[in-house]
Amino acid sequence: MDAKDSGLQLLARYGQNDCVMPMGRRSWLFCWTELGARDVGIIQSLIVTCRLHDVDPYTYLVDVLQRVALHPASQVAELTPRLWKQLFADNPLRSDLLGLPD
């Protein structure tokens, strides 16, 4: 009898075995300013949050960047990836560049 036969399943941490391209690496070390580094951190956080909620980051960002000007400030929480998926993912706003030929 070995560990495989015991029937005990160890739970892996989320994303531990995912083969996803890592965010950043060395290129993110050179943001030039603290403000640039903060902005990169915000974008990376949004992208990772989209991935955690199974939302395509490109579709999310295109939709939210168009929707943010029209959306009431009191309901800004609806534009987070988790709530956006429930409310807007079925019919996201598209970019005008989507239909252009290569």
PDB file of N, CA and C in Angstrom:
ATOM      1  N   MET A   1       0.845  -1.178   0.000  1.00  0.00           N
ATOM      2  CA  MET A   1       0.000   0.000   0.000  1.00  0.00           C
ATOM      3  C   MET A   1       0.894   1.246   0.000  1.00  0.00           C
ATOM      4  N   ASP A   2       0.626   2.151  -0.919  1.00  0.00           N
ATOM      5  CA  ASP A   2       1.396   3.393  -0.944  1.00  0.00           C
ATOM      6  C   ASP A   2       0.442   4.582  -0.824  1.00  0.00           C
ATOM      7  N   ALA A   3       0.977   5.766  -0.933  1.00  0.00           N
ATOM      8  CA  ALA A   3       0.174   6.985  -0.740  1.00  0.00           C
ATOM      9  C   ALA A   3      -0.938   7.115  -1.771  1.00  0.00           C
ATOM     10  N   LYS A   4      -0.755   6.542  -2.955  1.00  0.00           N
ATOM     11  CA  LYS A   4      -1.775   6.640  -3.999  1.00  0.00           C
ATOM     12  C   LYS A   4      -3.016   5.820  -3.661  1.00  0.00           C
ATOM     13  N   ASP A   5      -2.845   4.773  -2.893  1.00  0.00           N
ATOM     14  CA  ASP A   5      -3.946   3.882  -2.570  1.00  0.00           C
ATOM     15  C   ASP A   5      -4.748   4.305  -1.344  1.00  0.00           C
ATOM     16  N   SER A   6      -4.282   5.295  -0.625  1.00  0.00           N
ATOM     17  CA  SER A   6      -4.920   5.643   0.639  1.00  0.00           C
ATOM     18  C   SER A   6      -6.281   6.316   0.468  1.00  0.00           C
ATOM     19  N   GLY A   7      -6.570   6.853  -0.716  1.00  0.00           N
ATOM     20  CA  GLY A   7      -7.839   7.525  -0.933  1.00  0.00           C
ATOM     21  C   GLY A   7      -7.868   8.943  -0.396  1.00  0.00           C
ATOM     22  N   LEU A   8      -6.791   9.366   0.208  1.00  0.00           N
ATOM     23  CA  LEU A   8      -6.704  10.718   0.741  1.00  0.00           C
ATOM     24  C   LEU A   8      -6.253  11.661  -0.367  1.00  0.00           C
ATOM     25  N   GLN A   9      -7.061  12.666  -0.629  1.00  0.00           N
ATOM     26  CA  GLN A   9      -6.731  13.631  -1.671  1.00  0.00           C
ATOM     27  C   GLN A   9      -6.291  14.932  -1.023  1.00  0.00           C
ATOM     28  N   LEU A  10      -5.108  15.366  -1.346  1.00  0.00           N
ATOM     29  CA  LEU A  10      -4.637  16.648  -0.855  1.00  0.00           C
ATOM     30  C   LEU A  10      -5.127  17.746  -1.783  1.00  0.00           C
ATOM     31  N   LEU A  11      -5.637  18.808  -1.209  1.00  0.00           N
ATOM     32  CA  LEU A  11      -6.121  19.922  -2.002  1.00  0.00           C
ATOM     33  C   LEU A  11      -4.961  20.843  -2.355  1.00  0.00           C
ATOM     34  N   ALA A  12      -4.814  21.110  -3.624  1.00  0.00           N
ATOM     35  CA  ALA A  12      -3.774  22.036  -4.060  1.00  0.00           C
ATOM     36  C   ALA A  12      -4.282  23.459  -3.895  1.00  0.00           C
ATOM     37  N   ARG A  13      -3.367  24.353  -3.634  1.00  0.00           N
ATOM     38  CA  ARG A  13      -3.751  25.757  -3.574  1.00  0.00           C
ATOM     39  C   ARG A  13      -4.189  26.207  -4.951  1.00  0.00           C
ATOM     40  N   TYR A  14      -5.078  27.211  -4.987  1.00  0.00           N
ATOM     41  CA  TYR A  14      -5.604  27.682  -6.274  1.00  0.00           C
ATOM     42  C   TYR A  14      -4.466  28.127  -7.172  1.00  0.00           C
ATOM     43  N   GLY A  15      -4.435  27.608  -8.382  1.00  0.00           N
ATOM     44  CA  GLY A  15      -3.460  28.021  -9.375  1.00  0.00           C
ATOM     45  C   GLY A  15      -2.089  27.412  -9.209  1.00  0.00           C
ATOM     46  N   GLN A  16      -1.915  26.521  -8.249  1.00  0.00           N
ATOM     47  CA  GLN A  16      -0.591  25.978  -7.978  1.00  0.00           C
ATOM     48  C   GLN A  16      -0.052  25.195  -9.167  1.00  0.00           C
ATOM     49  N   ASN A  17      -0.910  24.470  -9.842  1.00  0.00           N
ATOM     50  CA  ASN A  17      -0.450  23.632 -10.945  1.00  0.00           C
ATOM     51  C   ASN A  17      -0.856  24.178 -12.311  1.00  0.00           C
ATOM     52  N   ASP A  18      -1.374  25.395 -12.345  1.00  0.00           N
ATOM     53  CA  ASP A  18      -1.769  25.986 -13.616  1.00  0.00           C
ATOM     54  C   ASP A  18      -0.539  26.368 -14.420  1.00  0.00           C
ATOM     55  N   CYS A  19      -0.590  26.091 -15.696  1.00  0.00           N
ATOM     56  CA  CYS A  19       0.493  26.477 -16.590  1.00  0.00           C
ATOM     57  C   CYS A  19       0.103  27.765 -17.288  1.00  0.00           C
ATOM     58  N   VAL A  20       0.222  28.858 -16.588  1.00  0.00           N
ATOM     59  CA  VAL A  20      -0.152  30.164 -17.106  1.00  0.00           C
ATOM     60  C   VAL A  20       1.107  31.009 -17.198  1.00  0.00           C
ATOM     61  N   MET A  21       1.178  31.809 -18.260  1.00  0.00           N
ATOM     62  CA  MET A  21       2.323  32.675 -18.386  1.00  0.00           C
ATOM     63  C   MET A  21       2.389  33.613 -17.186  1.00  0.00           C
ATOM     64  N   PRO A  22       3.535  33.682 -16.541  1.00  0.00           N
ATOM     65  CA  PRO A  22       3.639  34.537 -15.358  1.00  0.00           C
ATOM     66  C   PRO A  22       3.504  36.008 -15.724  1.00  0.00           C
ATOM     67  N   MET A  23       2.969  36.766 -14.791  1.00  0.00           N
ATOM     68  CA  MET A  23       2.824  38.204 -14.995  1.00  0.00           C
ATOM     69  C   MET A  23       4.157  38.876 -14.707  1.00  0.00           C
ATOM     70  N   GLY A  24       4.577  39.715 -15.606  1.00  0.00           N
ATOM     71  CA  GLY A  24       5.717  40.567 -15.333  1.00  0.00           C
ATOM     72  C   GLY A  24       7.052  39.945 -15.595  1.00  0.00           C
ATOM     73  N   ARG A  25       7.690  39.457 -14.631  1.00  0.00           N
ATOM     74  CA  ARG A  25       9.082  39.062 -14.597  1.00  0.00           C
ATOM     75  C   ARG A  25       9.941  40.302 -14.514  1.00  0.00           C
ATOM     76  N   ARG A  26      11.030  40.331 -15.184  1.00  0.00           N
ATOM     77  CA  ARG A  26      11.985  41.431 -15.033  1.00  0.00           C
ATOM     78  C   ARG A  26      11.537  42.736 -15.678  1.00  0.00           C
ATOM     79  N   SER A  27      10.735  42.683 -16.696  1.00  0.00           N
ATOM     80  CA  SER A  27      10.342  43.915 -17.372  1.00  0.00           C
ATOM     81  C   SER A  27       9.557  44.853 -16.458  1.00  0.00           C
ATOM     82  N   TRP A  28       8.880  44.305 -15.445  1.00  0.00           N
ATOM     83  CA  TRP A  28       8.097  45.149 -14.541  1.00  0.00           C
ATOM     84  C   TRP A  28       8.967  45.861 -13.515  1.00  0.00           C
ATOM     85  N   LEU A  29      10.241  45.511 -13.465  1.00  0.00           N
ATOM     86  CA  LEU A  29      11.130  46.184 -12.529  1.00  0.00           C
ATOM     87  C   LEU A  29      11.447  47.611 -12.980  1.00  0.00           C
ATOM     88  N   PHE A  30      11.184  47.910 -14.233  1.00  0.00           N
ATOM     89  CA  PHE A  30      11.571  49.187 -14.797  1.00  0.00           C
ATOM     90  C   PHE A  30      10.337  50.000 -15.163  1.00  0.00           C
ATOM     91  N   CYS A  31       9.634  50.469 -14.170  1.00  0.00           N
ATOM     92  CA  CYS A  31       8.432  51.265 -14.387  1.00  0.00           C
ATOM     93  C   CYS A  31       8.742  52.755 -14.401  1.00  0.00           C
ATOM     94  N   TRP A  32       9.971  53.127 -14.142  1.00  0.00           N
ATOM     95  CA  TRP A  32      10.485  54.493 -14.185  1.00  0.00           C
ATOM     96  C   TRP A  32      10.058  55.343 -13.005  1.00  0.00           C
ATOM     97  N   THR A  33       8.816  55.286 -12.587  1.00  0.00           N
ATOM     98  CA  THR A  33       8.373  56.107 -11.461  1.00  0.00           C
ATOM     99  C   THR A  33       7.530  55.263 -10.529  1.00  0.00           C
ATOM    100  N   GLU A  34       7.334  55.778  -9.328  1.00  0.00           N
ATOM    101  CA  GLU A  34       6.464  55.084  -8.377  1.00  0.00           C
ATOM    102  C   GLU A  34       5.021  55.073  -8.864  1.00  0.00           C
ATOM    103  N   LEU A  35       4.604  56.155  -9.508  1.00  0.00           N
ATOM    104  CA  LEU A  35       3.243  56.194 -10.050  1.00  0.00           C
ATOM    105  C   LEU A  35       3.060  55.159 -11.152  1.00  0.00           C
ATOM    106  N   GLY A  36       4.086  55.011 -11.992  1.00  0.00           N
ATOM    107  CA  GLY A  36       4.020  53.998 -13.039  1.00  0.00           C
ATOM    108  C   GLY A  36       3.943  52.601 -12.452  1.00  0.00           C
ATOM    109  N   ALA A  37       4.715  52.353 -11.408  1.00  0.00           N
ATOM    110  CA  ALA A  37       4.691  51.049 -10.753  1.00  0.00           C
ATOM    111  C   ALA A  37       3.329  50.788 -10.114  1.00  0.00           C
ATOM    112  N   ARG A  38       2.734  51.826  -9.519  1.00  0.00           N
ATOM    113  CA  ARG A  38       1.402  51.679  -8.919  1.00  0.00           C
ATOM    114  C   ARG A  38       0.370  51.343  -9.994  1.00  0.00           C
ATOM    115  N   ASP A  39       0.439  52.039 -11.131  1.00  0.00           N
ATOM    116  CA  ASP A  39      -0.509  51.788 -12.216  1.00  0.00           C
ATOM    117  C   ASP A  39      -0.346  50.383 -12.785  1.00  0.00           C
ATOM    118  N   VAL A  40       0.883  49.922 -12.918  1.00  0.00           N
ATOM    119  CA  VAL A  40       1.127  48.556 -13.391  1.00  0.00           C
ATOM    120  C   VAL A  40       0.533  47.557 -12.405  1.00  0.00           C
ATOM    121  N   GLY A  41       0.685  47.822 -11.113  1.00  0.00           N
ATOM    122  CA  GLY A  41       0.105  46.942 -10.095  1.00  0.00           C
ATOM    123  C   GLY A  41      -1.409  46.882 -10.181  1.00  0.00           C
ATOM    124  N   ILE A  42      -2.041  48.017 -10.463  1.00  0.00           N
ATOM    125  CA  ILE A  42      -3.499  48.056 -10.601  1.00  0.00           C
ATOM    126  C   ILE A  42      -3.940  47.223 -11.804  1.00  0.00           C
ATOM    127  N   ILE A  43      -3.267  47.401 -12.927  1.00  0.00           N
ATOM    128  CA  ILE A  43      -3.615  46.639 -14.134  1.00  0.00           C
ATOM    129  C   ILE A  43      -3.386  45.143 -13.919  1.00  0.00           C
ATOM    130  N   GLN A  44      -2.251  44.792 -13.310  1.00  0.00           N
ATOM    131  CA  GLN A  44      -1.994  43.378 -13.039  1.00  0.00           C
ATOM    132  C   GLN A  44      -3.052  42.794 -12.110  1.00  0.00           C
ATOM    133  N   SER A  45      -3.449  43.541 -11.101  1.00  0.00           N
ATOM    134  CA  SER A  45      -4.480  43.071 -10.180  1.00  0.00           C
ATOM    135  C   SER A  45      -5.802  42.831 -10.899  1.00  0.00           C
ATOM    136  N   LEU A  46      -6.178  43.742 -11.791  1.00  0.00           N
ATOM    137  CA  LEU A  46      -7.411  43.551 -12.558  1.00  0.00           C
ATOM    138  C   LEU A  46      -7.336  42.315 -13.443  1.00  0.00           C
ATOM    139  N   ILE A  47      -6.199  42.116 -14.098  1.00  0.00           N
ATOM    140  CA  ILE A  47      -6.047  40.958 -14.993  1.00  0.00           C
ATOM    141  C   ILE A  47      -6.112  39.657 -14.211  1.00  0.00           C
ATOM    142  N   VAL A  48      -5.427  39.586 -13.095  1.00  0.00           N
ATOM    143  CA  VAL A  48      -5.441  38.369 -12.281  1.00  0.00           C
ATOM    144  C   VAL A  48      -6.833  38.129 -11.709  1.00  0.00           C
ATOM    145  N   THR A  49      -7.518  39.178 -11.284  1.00  0.00           N
ATOM    146  CA  THR A  49      -8.882  39.022 -10.769  1.00  0.00           C
ATOM    147  C   THR A  49      -9.813  38.515 -11.861  1.00  0.00           C
ATOM    148  N   CYS A  50      -9.638  39.015 -13.083  1.00  0.00           N
ATOM    149  CA  CYS A  50     -10.432  38.498 -14.209  1.00  0.00           C
ATOM    150  C   CYS A  50     -10.187  37.008 -14.397  1.00  0.00           C
ATOM    151  N   ARG A  51      -8.936  36.601 -14.358  1.00  0.00           N
ATOM    152  CA  ARG A  51      -8.618  35.187 -14.531  1.00  0.00           C
ATOM    153  C   ARG A  51      -9.237  34.337 -13.432  1.00  0.00           C
ATOM    154  N   LEU A  52      -9.226  34.830 -12.200  1.00  0.00           N
ATOM    155  CA  LEU A  52      -9.808  34.079 -11.084  1.00  0.00           C
ATOM    156  C   LEU A  52     -11.308  33.876 -11.251  1.00  0.00           C
ATOM    157  N   HIS A  53     -11.975  34.815 -11.919  1.00  0.00           N
ATOM    158  CA  HIS A  53     -13.425  34.727 -12.110  1.00  0.00           C
ATOM    159  C   HIS A  53     -13.791  34.233 -13.510  1.00  0.00           C
ATOM    160  N   ASP A  54     -12.834  33.664 -14.225  1.00  0.00           N
ATOM    161  CA  ASP A  54     -13.055  33.131 -15.583  1.00  0.00           C
ATOM    162  C   ASP A  54     -13.638  34.184 -16.521  1.00  0.00           C
ATOM    163  N   VAL A  55     -13.083  35.378 -16.484  1.00  0.00           N
ATOM    164  CA  VAL A  55     -13.476  36.478 -17.354  1.00  0.00           C
ATOM    165  C   VAL A  55     -12.293  36.779 -18.266  1.00  0.00           C
ATOM    166  N   ASP A  56     -12.551  36.930 -19.558  1.00  0.00           N
ATOM    167  CA  ASP A  56     -11.500  37.304 -20.494  1.00  0.00           C
ATOM    168  C   ASP A  56     -11.056  38.740 -20.184  1.00  0.00           C
ATOM    169  N   PRO A  57      -9.784  38.936 -19.809  1.00  0.00           N
ATOM    170  CA  PRO A  57      -9.342  40.286 -19.425  1.00  0.00           C
ATOM    171  C   PRO A  57      -9.511  41.319 -20.538  1.00  0.00           C
ATOM    172  N   TYR A  58      -9.287  40.944 -21.780  1.00  0.00           N
ATOM    173  CA  TYR A  58      -9.418  41.891 -22.891  1.00  0.00           C
ATOM    174  C   TYR A  58     -10.876  42.346 -23.026  1.00  0.00           C
ATOM    175  N   THR A  59     -11.798  41.394 -23.041  1.00  0.00           N
ATOM    176  CA  THR A  59     -13.217  41.725 -23.160  1.00  0.00           C
ATOM    177  C   THR A  59     -13.665  42.596 -21.994  1.00  0.00           C
ATOM    178  N   TYR A  60     -13.209  42.251 -20.791  1.00  0.00           N
ATOM    179  CA  TYR A  60     -13.575  43.023 -19.604  1.00  0.00           C
ATOM    180  C   TYR A  60     -13.067  44.458 -19.708  1.00  0.00           C
ATOM    181  N   LEU A  61     -11.796  44.631 -20.030  1.00  0.00           N
ATOM    182  CA  LEU A  61     -11.223  45.973 -20.069  1.00  0.00           C
ATOM    183  C   LEU A  61     -11.843  46.820 -21.178  1.00  0.00           C
ATOM    184  N   VAL A  62     -12.091  46.223 -22.348  1.00  0.00           N
ATOM    185  CA  VAL A  62     -12.734  46.973 -23.440  1.00  0.00           C
ATOM    186  C   VAL A  62     -14.119  47.439 -23.005  1.00  0.00           C
ATOM    187  N   ASP A  63     -14.871  46.553 -22.383  1.00  0.00           N
ATOM    188  CA  ASP A  63     -16.224  46.904 -21.937  1.00  0.00           C
ATOM    189  C   ASP A  63     -16.193  47.968 -20.848  1.00  0.00           C
ATOM    190  N   VAL A  64     -15.395  47.766 -19.826  1.00  0.00           N
ATOM    191  CA  VAL A  64     -15.395  48.681 -18.680  1.00  0.00           C
ATOM    192  C   VAL A  64     -14.870  50.059 -19.080  1.00  0.00           C
ATOM    193  N   LEU A  65     -13.854  50.122 -19.927  1.00  0.00           N
ATOM    194  CA  LEU A  65     -13.326  51.427 -20.322  1.00  0.00           C
ATOM    195  C   LEU A  65     -14.341  52.229 -21.140  1.00  0.00           C
ATOM    196  N   GLN A  66     -15.246  51.561 -21.824  1.00  0.00           N
ATOM    197  CA  GLN A  66     -16.310  52.265 -22.540  1.00  0.00           C
ATOM    198  C   GLN A  66     -17.490  52.581 -21.616  1.00  0.00           C
ATOM    199  N   ARG A  67     -17.744  51.690 -20.675  1.00  0.00           N
ATOM    200  CA  ARG A  67     -18.908  51.810 -19.816  1.00  0.00           C
ATOM    201  C   ARG A  67     -18.684  52.800 -18.662  1.00  0.00           C
ATOM    202  N   VAL A  68     -17.462  53.016 -18.248  1.00  0.00           N
ATOM    203  CA  VAL A  68     -17.176  53.787 -17.037  1.00  0.00           C
ATOM    204  C   VAL A  68     -17.664  55.236 -17.135  1.00  0.00           C
ATOM    205  N   ALA A  69     -17.654  55.822 -18.296  1.00  0.00           N
ATOM    206  CA  ALA A  69     -18.092  57.209 -18.441  1.00  0.00           C
ATOM    207  C   ALA A  69     -19.609  57.358 -18.276  1.00  0.00           C
ATOM    208  N   LEU A  70     -20.354  56.310 -18.568  1.00  0.00           N
ATOM    209  CA  LEU A  70     -21.813  56.373 -18.513  1.00  0.00           C
ATOM    210  C   LEU A  70     -22.391  55.771 -17.236  1.00  0.00           C
ATOM    211  N   HIS A  71     -21.582  55.020 -16.518  1.00  0.00           N
ATOM    212  CA  HIS A  71     -22.059  54.279 -15.352  1.00  0.00           C
ATOM    213  C   HIS A  71     -22.124  55.205 -14.136  1.00  0.00           C
ATOM    214  N   PRO A  72     -23.186  55.129 -13.346  1.00  0.00           N
ATOM    215  CA  PRO A  72     -23.294  55.985 -12.149  1.00  0.00           C
ATOM    216  C   PRO A  72     -22.174  55.689 -11.148  1.00  0.00           C
ATOM    217  N   ALA A  73     -21.598  56.744 -10.589  1.00  0.00           N
ATOM    218  CA  ALA A  73     -20.502  56.592  -9.632  1.00  0.00           C
ATOM    219  C   ALA A  73     -20.938  55.828  -8.386  1.00  0.00           C
ATOM    220  N   SER A  74     -22.194  55.936  -8.036  1.00  0.00           N
ATOM    221  CA  SER A  74     -22.688  55.238  -6.846  1.00  0.00           C
ATOM    222  C   SER A  74     -22.740  53.720  -7.041  1.00  0.00           C
ATOM    223  N   GLN A  75     -22.657  53.271  -8.290  1.00  0.00           N
ATOM    224  CA  GLN A  75     -22.721  51.838  -8.595  1.00  0.00           C
ATOM    225  C   GLN A  75     -21.419  51.334  -9.203  1.00  0.00           C
ATOM    226  N   VAL A  76     -20.308  51.973  -8.860  1.00  0.00           N
ATOM    227  CA  VAL A  76     -19.024  51.616  -9.443  1.00  0.00           C
ATOM    228  C   VAL A  76     -18.598  50.190  -9.082  1.00  0.00           C
ATOM    229  N   ALA A  77     -19.080  49.660  -7.977  1.00  0.00           N
ATOM    230  CA  ALA A  77     -18.740  48.287  -7.587  1.00  0.00           C
ATOM    231  C   ALA A  77     -19.218  47.272  -8.620  1.00  0.00           C
ATOM    232  N   GLU A  78     -20.236  47.621  -9.401  1.00  0.00           N
ATOM    233  CA  GLU A  78     -20.736  46.709 -10.442  1.00  0.00           C
ATOM    234  C   GLU A  78     -19.718  46.506 -11.553  1.00  0.00           C
ATOM    235  N   LEU A  79     -18.694  47.334 -11.614  1.00  0.00           N
ATOM    236  CA  LEU A  79     -17.684  47.215 -12.665  1.00  0.00           C
ATOM    237  C   LEU A  79     -16.485  46.384 -12.236  1.00  0.00           C
ATOM    238  N   THR A  80     -16.531  45.825 -11.035  1.00  0.00           N
ATOM    239  CA  THR A  80     -15.471  44.894 -10.640  1.00  0.00           C
ATOM    240  C   THR A  80     -15.671  43.589 -11.401  1.00  0.00           C
ATOM    241  N   PRO A  81     -14.609  42.839 -11.676  1.00  0.00           N
ATOM    242  CA  PRO A  81     -14.755  41.627 -12.500  1.00  0.00           C
ATOM    243  C   PRO A  81     -15.814  40.643 -12.000  1.00  0.00           C
ATOM    244  N   ARG A  82     -15.932  40.458 -10.687  1.00  0.00           N
ATOM    245  CA  ARG A  82     -16.900  39.491 -10.155  1.00  0.00           C
ATOM    246  C   ARG A  82     -18.330  39.905 -10.475  1.00  0.00           C
ATOM    247  N   LEU A  83     -18.690  41.155 -10.203  1.00  0.00           N
ATOM    248  CA  LEU A  83     -20.053  41.613 -10.473  1.00  0.00           C
ATOM    249  C   LEU A  83     -20.280  41.878 -11.954  1.00  0.00           C
ATOM    250  N   TRP A  84     -19.238  42.308 -12.668  1.00  0.00           N
ATOM    251  CA  TRP A  84     -19.359  42.539 -14.106  1.00  0.00           C
ATOM    252  C   TRP A  84     -19.748  41.245 -14.812  1.00  0.00           C
ATOM    253  N   LYS A  85     -19.167  40.144 -14.375  1.00  0.00           N
ATOM    254  CA  LYS A  85     -19.489  38.852 -14.996  1.00  0.00           C
ATOM    255  C   LYS A  85     -20.971  38.525 -14.850  1.00  0.00           C
ATOM    256  N   GLN A  86     -21.544  38.822 -13.696  1.00  0.00           N
ATOM    257  CA  GLN A  86     -22.961  38.538 -13.459  1.00  0.00           C
ATOM    258  C   GLN A  86     -23.877  39.482 -14.225  1.00  0.00           C
ATOM    259  N   LEU A  87     -23.471  40.753 -14.349  1.00  0.00           N
ATOM    260  CA  LEU A  87     -24.367  41.774 -14.887  1.00  0.00           C
ATOM    261  C   LEU A  87     -24.181  42.073 -16.371  1.00  0.00           C
ATOM    262  N   PHE A  88     -22.938  42.060 -16.848  1.00  0.00           N
ATOM    263  CA  PHE A  88     -22.673  42.564 -18.191  1.00  0.00           C
ATOM    264  C   PHE A  88     -21.973  41.578 -19.133  1.00  0.00           C
ATOM    265  N   ALA A  89     -21.493  40.461 -18.637  1.00  0.00           N
ATOM    266  CA  ALA A  89     -20.683  39.561 -19.460  1.00  0.00           C
ATOM    267  C   ALA A  89     -21.461  38.943 -20.618  1.00  0.00           C
ATOM    268  N   ASP A  90     -22.774  38.809 -20.476  1.00  0.00           N
ATOM    269  CA  ASP A  90     -23.564  38.208 -21.556  1.00  0.00           C
ATOM    270  C   ASP A  90     -23.654  39.102 -22.783  1.00  0.00           C
ATOM    271  N   ASN A  91     -23.532  40.408 -22.602  1.00  0.00           N
ATOM    272  CA  ASN A  91     -23.633  41.350 -23.711  1.00  0.00           C
ATOM    273  C   ASN A  91     -22.622  42.489 -23.527  1.00  0.00           C
ATOM    274  N   PRO A  92     -21.310  42.180 -23.621  1.00  0.00           N
ATOM    275  CA  PRO A  92     -20.308  43.220 -23.383  1.00  0.00           C
ATOM    276  C   PRO A  92     -20.235  44.217 -24.540  1.00  0.00           C
ATOM    277  N   LEU A  93     -19.819  45.420 -24.209  1.00  0.00           N
ATOM    278  CA  LEU A  93     -19.564  46.417 -25.250  1.00  0.00           C
ATOM    279  C   LEU A  93     -18.321  46.001 -26.006  1.00  0.00           C
ATOM    280  N   ARG A  94     -18.326  46.172 -27.301  1.00  0.00           N
ATOM    281  CA  ARG A  94     -17.195  45.757 -28.144  1.00  0.00           C
ATOM    282  C   ARG A  94     -16.454  46.987 -28.661  1.00  0.00           C
ATOM    283  N   SER A  95     -15.233  46.782 -29.036  1.00  0.00           N
ATOM    284  CA  SER A  95     -14.424  47.840 -29.624  1.00  0.00           C
ATOM    285  C   SER A  95     -14.781  48.001 -31.095  1.00  0.00           C
ATOM    286  N   ASP A  96     -14.715  49.239 -31.599  1.00  0.00           N
ATOM    287  CA  ASP A  96     -14.936  49.470 -33.021  1.00  0.00           C
ATOM    288  C   ASP A  96     -13.841  48.811 -33.858  1.00  0.00           C
ATOM    289  N   LEU A  97     -12.716  48.523 -33.258  1.00  0.00           N
ATOM    290  CA  LEU A  97     -11.597  47.922 -33.979  1.00  0.00           C
ATOM    291  C   LEU A  97     -11.764  46.426 -34.166  1.00  0.00           C
ATOM    292  N   LEU A  98     -12.740  45.829 -33.513  1.00  0.00           N
ATOM    293  CA  LEU A  98     -12.922  44.373 -33.555  1.00  0.00           C
ATOM    294  C   LEU A  98     -13.190  43.876 -34.964  1.00  0.00           C
ATOM    295  N   GLY A  99     -13.965  44.600 -35.758  1.00  0.00           N
ATOM    296  CA  GLY A  99     -14.346  44.120 -37.066  1.00  0.00           C
ATOM    297  C   GLY A  99     -13.410  44.524 -38.198  1.00  0.00           C
ATOM    298  N   LEU A 100     -12.337  45.255 -37.896  1.00  0.00           N
ATOM    299  CA  LEU A 100     -11.426  45.695 -38.952  1.00  0.00           C
ATOM    300  C   LEU A 100     -10.592  44.537 -39.462  1.00  0.00           C
ATOM    301  N   PRO A 101     -10.317  44.493 -40.781  1.00  0.00           N
ATOM    302  CA  PRO A 101      -9.481  43.414 -41.315  1.00  0.00           C
ATOM    303  C   PRO A 101      -8.029  43.588 -40.861  1.00  0.00           C
ATOM    304  N   ASP A 102      -7.329  42.491 -40.828  1.00  0.00           N
ATOM    305  CA  ASP A 102      -5.915  42.523 -40.418  1.00  0.00           C
ATOM    306  C   ASP A 102      -5.114  43.207 -41.432  1.00  0.00           C
TER     307      ASP A 102
END
